[in-house]
Amino acid sequence: MLKFFILFLLLISLSYSCINVYKELNQSKVIVNEPIEVNIKIKNLCEDKRIVNVTEFFIGEVIFPRENVVYIEISKGKILAIPPFLFWKNIEIKSNEEKNITYIFKPLQVGISTIQSTKVIDNKGNAYYSNDISFYVDCNHNKVCEKYFGENYYECPGDCPSGSYDGICDGIKDGKCDPDCDENADIDCKRICGNKICEVGENQENCCIDCGCPFGFECKDNECKISSLFYFIFLIPIVFLFIFKIKRKTS
C-alpha cells in the first residue's frame, strides 16, 4: 500500500514539473567590471499554455535590462535583507515552446562567484527552479591594484605586487613595508634607525639620523637641535647693526 502511495505522489509531482528551466553564461572567461551575458531558457512541456513570472537574484551591476531591476523599499523600523533582483512578469509560453531571457551584468568582485537558481512561477502557482551557476571572476590585468574590486596579492599578483595596499598582509621579505601589516607581521616594517633610509614610521622626531632636521637645526644624538651655524647666521646682522650704531654715535 505504501509503494502505491509513493508512486501516486511521484506521478503528481511529475505532472506539475512540466516546465524546465536552465541557465548558462554565454562566455567562458569572466573579467571583473566587464559585461557578461546570462541566458535563461524556459521550456514548457505542459499540455497547455502557461503564463510565468521569473525572478533572478543577480550579482554585481546589471547593464541590461535596467528597467527590470526591482529594489525593495525598507520600511521605517524594519530591516529587510533582500537584495535587488530582476523580475519579468506575465511571460506567455505555449505548450512545447521555449522562451529565452537574456540579461547583462558586470561582476564587481574578483574570485569565485555564484548566481543563485532562477525562480519561475506559473499561473497555476507551481514553482520551478533552474541550476545555479558558479564561475571564477578574473582580474582585469591593468597593472593597477584595485582593492575595491577585491584585487590583492594572492588573487592578482600582476596588479598587486607584494607590498601593495590591497587589504592583505602578505608578510613577504621584499624590502617593502606592506601598508596592511604591522611591525610584527612584516619584517620589512621593522624600523632600523641609522641605515640612512627614512622608512615608514620614521620621521624627524624619532629618527633624524635618517630623516634629517628642519632648516636651522642639526641632528645630534638623534635629536634635532638648533644648529650652531644658525646661531652664527642670526648673530652676524645683529653685530653689524651694533657696530653701525656705535659708528653713528662717534661720528
Protein backbone atom coordinates (compact mmCIF):
# COMPACT_ATOMS: atom_id res chain seq x y z
CA MET A 1 0.00 0.00 0.00
CA LEU A 2 2.88 2.35 0.87
CA LYS A 3 4.51 1.72 -2.54
CA PHE A 4 1.31 2.70 -4.35
CA PHE A 5 1.06 5.87 -2.27
CA ILE A 6 4.65 6.87 -3.06
CA LEU A 7 4.08 6.15 -6.76
CA PHE A 8 0.92 8.28 -6.66
CA LEU A 9 2.84 11.20 -5.13
CA LEU A 10 5.58 10.79 -7.72
CA LEU A 11 3.08 10.91 -10.58
CA ILE A 12 1.51 14.04 -9.12
CA SER A 13 4.89 15.76 -8.79
CA LEU A 14 5.79 14.84 -12.37
CA SER A 15 2.52 16.21 -13.62
CA TYR A 16 3.32 19.58 -12.04
CA SER A 17 7.01 19.61 -13.06
CA CYS A 18 6.33 20.18 -16.73
CA ILE A 19 8.43 23.32 -17.08
CA ASN A 20 12.20 23.04 -17.41
CA VAL A 21 14.41 25.99 -16.50
CA TYR A 22 18.08 26.09 -17.49
CA LYS A 23 20.60 28.90 -17.10
CA GLU A 24 24.06 29.42 -18.65
CA LEU A 25 26.77 32.02 -19.19
CA ASN A 26 27.35 32.99 -22.81
CA GLN A 27 31.13 33.27 -22.39
CA SER A 28 33.87 31.20 -20.84
CA LYS A 29 36.18 33.87 -19.36
CA VAL A 30 34.83 36.37 -16.85
CA ILE A 31 36.73 39.59 -16.04
CA VAL A 32 35.94 41.86 -13.11
CA ASN A 33 33.98 45.02 -14.02
CA GLU A 34 33.44 43.81 -17.61
CA PRO A 35 29.99 42.91 -19.07
CA ILE A 36 28.91 39.27 -19.12
CA GLU A 37 25.74 37.79 -20.63
CA VAL A 38 23.45 35.26 -18.93
CA ASN A 39 20.83 33.27 -20.83
CA ILE A 40 17.78 31.71 -19.10
CA LYS A 41 15.89 29.06 -21.06
CA ILE A 42 12.31 28.18 -20.07
CA LYS A 43 10.82 25.14 -21.81
CA ASN A 44 7.08 24.43 -21.45
CA LEU A 45 6.43 20.67 -21.62
CA CYS A 46 2.91 21.01 -20.22
CA GLU A 47 -0.11 20.16 -22.33
CA ASP A 48 -1.44 23.68 -22.06
CA LYS A 49 -0.21 27.25 -22.29
CA ARG A 50 1.42 28.72 -19.18
CA ILE A 51 1.97 32.30 -18.08
CA VAL A 52 5.01 32.67 -15.87
CA ASN A 53 6.78 35.21 -13.67
CA VAL A 54 10.57 34.99 -13.45
CA THR A 55 12.77 36.12 -10.53
CA GLU A 56 16.55 36.33 -10.78
CA PHE A 57 18.87 37.40 -7.94
CA PHE A 58 21.89 38.78 -9.76
CA ILE A 59 25.36 39.73 -8.55
CA GLY A 60 27.27 42.89 -9.37
CA GLU A 61 25.71 45.60 -11.54
CA VAL A 62 23.02 45.00 -14.16
CA ILE A 63 23.66 46.70 -17.52
CA PHE A 64 20.60 45.36 -19.38
CA PRO A 65 17.64 45.42 -18.87
CA ARG A 66 17.82 48.05 -16.12
CA GLU A 67 14.04 48.55 -16.17
CA ASN A 68 13.54 45.01 -14.84
CA VAL A 69 15.60 45.58 -11.70
CA VAL A 70 13.46 45.64 -8.54
CA TYR A 71 14.58 47.37 -5.36
CA ILE A 72 12.80 46.55 -2.11
CA GLU A 73 11.97 49.67 -0.11
CA ILE A 74 12.90 49.39 3.54
CA SER A 75 10.02 50.40 5.78
CA LYS A 76 10.76 52.59 8.79
CA GLY A 77 11.72 50.48 11.79
CA LYS A 78 12.10 47.29 9.73
CA ILE A 79 15.21 45.65 8.33
CA LEU A 80 14.76 43.67 5.12
CA ALA A 81 17.79 41.69 3.97
CA ILE A 82 16.53 41.37 0.40
CA PRO A 83 18.99 42.41 -2.30
CA PRO A 84 17.76 43.90 -5.59
CA PHE A 85 16.65 41.36 -8.20
CA LEU A 86 15.50 41.08 -11.81
CA PHE A 87 11.82 40.39 -12.42
CA TRP A 88 9.97 39.51 -15.61
CA LYS A 89 6.18 39.40 -15.41
CA ASN A 90 3.47 37.59 -17.43
CA ILE A 91 5.61 35.76 -19.97
CA GLU A 92 3.35 33.58 -22.12
CA ILE A 93 4.77 30.20 -23.14
CA LYS A 94 2.74 27.88 -25.35
CA SER A 95 2.86 24.11 -24.99
CA ASN A 96 6.22 22.69 -26.18
CA GLU A 97 7.54 26.21 -26.66
CA GLU A 98 10.85 27.55 -25.30
CA LYS A 99 11.42 31.15 -24.28
CA ASN A 100 14.84 32.71 -23.76
CA ILE A 101 15.56 35.56 -21.37
CA THR A 102 18.91 37.34 -21.57
CA TYR A 103 20.44 39.88 -19.23
CA ILE A 104 23.87 41.51 -18.99
CA PHE A 105 25.70 42.38 -15.78
CA LYS A 106 29.17 43.32 -14.55
CA PRO A 107 30.74 41.30 -11.71
CA LEU A 108 32.37 43.64 -9.22
CA GLN A 109 34.44 41.24 -7.10
CA VAL A 110 37.40 39.01 -8.01
CA GLY A 111 37.15 35.35 -7.01
CA ILE A 112 34.56 32.57 -7.07
CA SER A 113 31.02 33.85 -7.63
CA THR A 114 27.68 32.04 -7.74
CA ILE A 115 24.40 33.12 -9.29
CA GLN A 116 21.52 31.50 -7.42
CA SER A 117 18.91 29.44 -9.22
CA THR A 118 16.29 31.28 -11.24
CA LYS A 119 12.76 31.01 -9.83
CA VAL A 120 9.80 30.59 -12.22
CA ILE A 121 6.18 30.57 -11.04
CA ASP A 122 3.37 29.72 -13.47
CA ASN A 123 -0.25 30.89 -13.46
CA LYS A 124 -1.27 27.76 -11.53
CA GLY A 125 1.03 28.62 -8.63
CA ASN A 126 3.65 25.98 -9.40
CA ALA A 127 7.30 26.93 -8.76
CA TYR A 128 10.25 25.78 -10.87
CA TYR A 129 13.96 26.40 -10.36
CA SER A 130 16.97 26.44 -12.64
CA ASN A 131 20.52 25.35 -11.92
CA ASP A 132 22.99 27.54 -10.03
CA ILE A 133 25.98 28.94 -11.91
CA SER A 134 29.42 29.16 -10.28
CA PHE A 135 32.36 30.77 -12.05
CA TYR A 136 35.68 32.47 -11.38
CA VAL A 137 35.96 36.24 -11.85
CA ASP A 138 39.47 37.08 -13.02
CA CYS A 139 41.47 40.30 -12.53
CA ASN A 140 41.46 42.90 -15.28
CA HIS A 141 45.30 42.84 -15.52
CA ASN A 142 45.66 46.61 -15.92
CA LYS A 143 48.70 46.91 -13.60
CA VAL A 144 46.58 48.85 -11.08
CA CYS A 145 45.80 47.31 -7.68
CA GLU A 146 42.06 47.95 -7.35
CA LYS A 147 41.24 46.95 -3.78
CA TYR A 148 37.54 47.84 -4.19
CA PHE A 149 37.24 45.02 -6.79
CA GLY A 150 38.78 42.53 -4.37
CA GLU A 151 42.14 42.50 -6.11
CA ASN A 152 45.04 41.53 -3.84
CA TYR A 153 48.47 39.92 -3.90
CA TYR A 154 47.12 36.36 -3.81
CA GLU A 155 44.35 36.77 -6.41
CA CYS A 156 46.06 39.30 -8.68
CA PRO A 157 49.85 39.38 -8.17
CA GLY A 158 50.26 41.06 -11.57
CA ASP A 159 48.17 44.04 -10.47
CA CYS A 160 49.01 43.90 -6.75
CA PRO A 161 52.68 43.02 -6.22
CA SER A 162 53.93 42.26 -2.74
CA GLY A 163 53.74 45.31 -0.51
CA SER A 164 50.67 46.81 -2.21
CA TYR A 165 47.84 48.46 -0.28
CA ASP A 166 45.34 45.67 -1.00
CA GLY A 167 43.82 44.76 2.36
CA ILE A 168 46.12 41.72 2.63
CA CYS A 169 49.23 41.50 4.79
CA ASP A 170 51.44 39.11 2.79
CA GLY A 171 54.42 39.44 5.17
CA ILE A 172 56.92 38.66 2.43
CA LYS A 173 60.51 39.85 2.91
CA ASP A 174 60.96 42.01 -0.17
CA GLY A 175 62.41 45.25 1.16
CA LYS A 176 58.98 46.94 1.15
CA CYS A 177 56.89 47.51 4.24
CA ASP A 178 53.39 46.26 3.45
CA PRO A 179 50.99 49.07 4.50
CA ASP A 180 48.48 46.39 5.53
CA CYS A 181 50.92 44.92 8.10
CA ASP A 182 52.25 45.98 11.46
CA GLU A 183 55.86 45.63 12.57
CA ASN A 184 55.36 42.13 13.96
CA ALA A 185 53.68 40.78 10.80
CA ASP A 186 56.16 42.04 8.18
CA ILE A 187 59.88 42.07 8.85
CA ASP A 188 60.24 44.86 6.30
CA CYS A 189 58.14 47.09 8.58
CA LYS A 190 60.65 46.95 11.42
CA ARG A 191 62.37 50.32 11.52
CA ILE A 192 66.16 50.37 11.51
CA CYS A 193 67.15 53.87 12.56
CA GLY A 194 70.61 54.68 11.27
CA ASN A 195 70.56 52.94 7.88
CA LYS A 196 70.39 56.29 6.04
CA ILE A 197 66.88 55.46 4.74
CA CYS A 198 63.86 57.37 6.03
CA GLU A 199 61.48 54.39 6.26
CA VAL A 200 57.78 54.08 7.01
CA GLY A 201 57.20 55.07 10.63
CA GLU A 202 60.41 57.11 10.85
CA ASN A 203 60.36 60.91 10.97
CA GLN A 204 62.47 63.87 12.04
CA GLU A 205 61.38 63.48 15.64
CA ASN A 206 62.18 59.79 16.20
CA CYS A 207 64.99 59.27 13.69
CA CYS A 208 66.63 62.44 12.46
CA ILE A 209 69.72 60.37 11.58
CA ASP A 210 67.78 59.02 8.59
CA CYS A 211 65.13 61.70 8.03
CA GLY A 212 67.14 64.85 8.71
CA CYS A 213 66.06 68.01 10.54
CA PRO A 214 64.21 71.22 9.61
CA PHE A 215 66.13 74.26 8.39
CA GLY A 216 68.23 75.78 11.14
CA PHE A 217 68.52 72.53 13.07
CA GLU A 218 71.08 69.74 13.05
CA CYS A 219 70.87 66.12 14.23
CA LYS A 220 72.87 65.46 17.40
CA ASP A 221 72.48 62.22 19.33
CA ASN A 222 69.42 61.51 17.16
CA GLU A 223 67.74 64.75 18.25
CA CYS A 224 67.11 67.87 16.19
CA LYS A 225 68.88 70.78 17.91
CA ILE A 226 69.41 74.37 16.82
CA SER A 227 72.43 74.50 14.56
CA SER A 228 75.50 76.48 15.62
CA LEU A 229 75.65 77.75 12.05
CA PHE A 230 72.12 79.09 12.50
CA TYR A 231 73.31 80.99 15.59
CA PHE A 232 76.20 82.41 13.58
CA ILE A 233 73.98 83.48 10.70
CA PHE A 234 71.49 85.01 13.13
CA LEU A 235 74.17 86.91 15.10
CA ILE A 236 76.03 88.44 12.11
CA PRO A 237 73.35 91.05 11.25
CA ILE A 238 72.97 91.88 14.96
CA VAL A 239 76.73 92.51 15.30
CA PHE A 240 76.79 94.66 12.15
CA LEU A 241 73.81 96.65 13.39
CA PHE A 242 75.52 97.20 16.75
CA ILE A 243 78.77 98.37 15.08
CA PHE A 244 76.79 100.64 12.76
CA LYS A 245 75.04 102.33 15.71
CA ILE A 246 78.34 102.85 17.58
CA LYS A 247 79.95 104.49 14.49
CA ARG A 248 76.98 106.84 14.15
CA LYS A 249 77.33 107.96 17.76
CA THR A 250 81.06 108.59 17.50
CA SER A 251 80.77 110.47 14.21
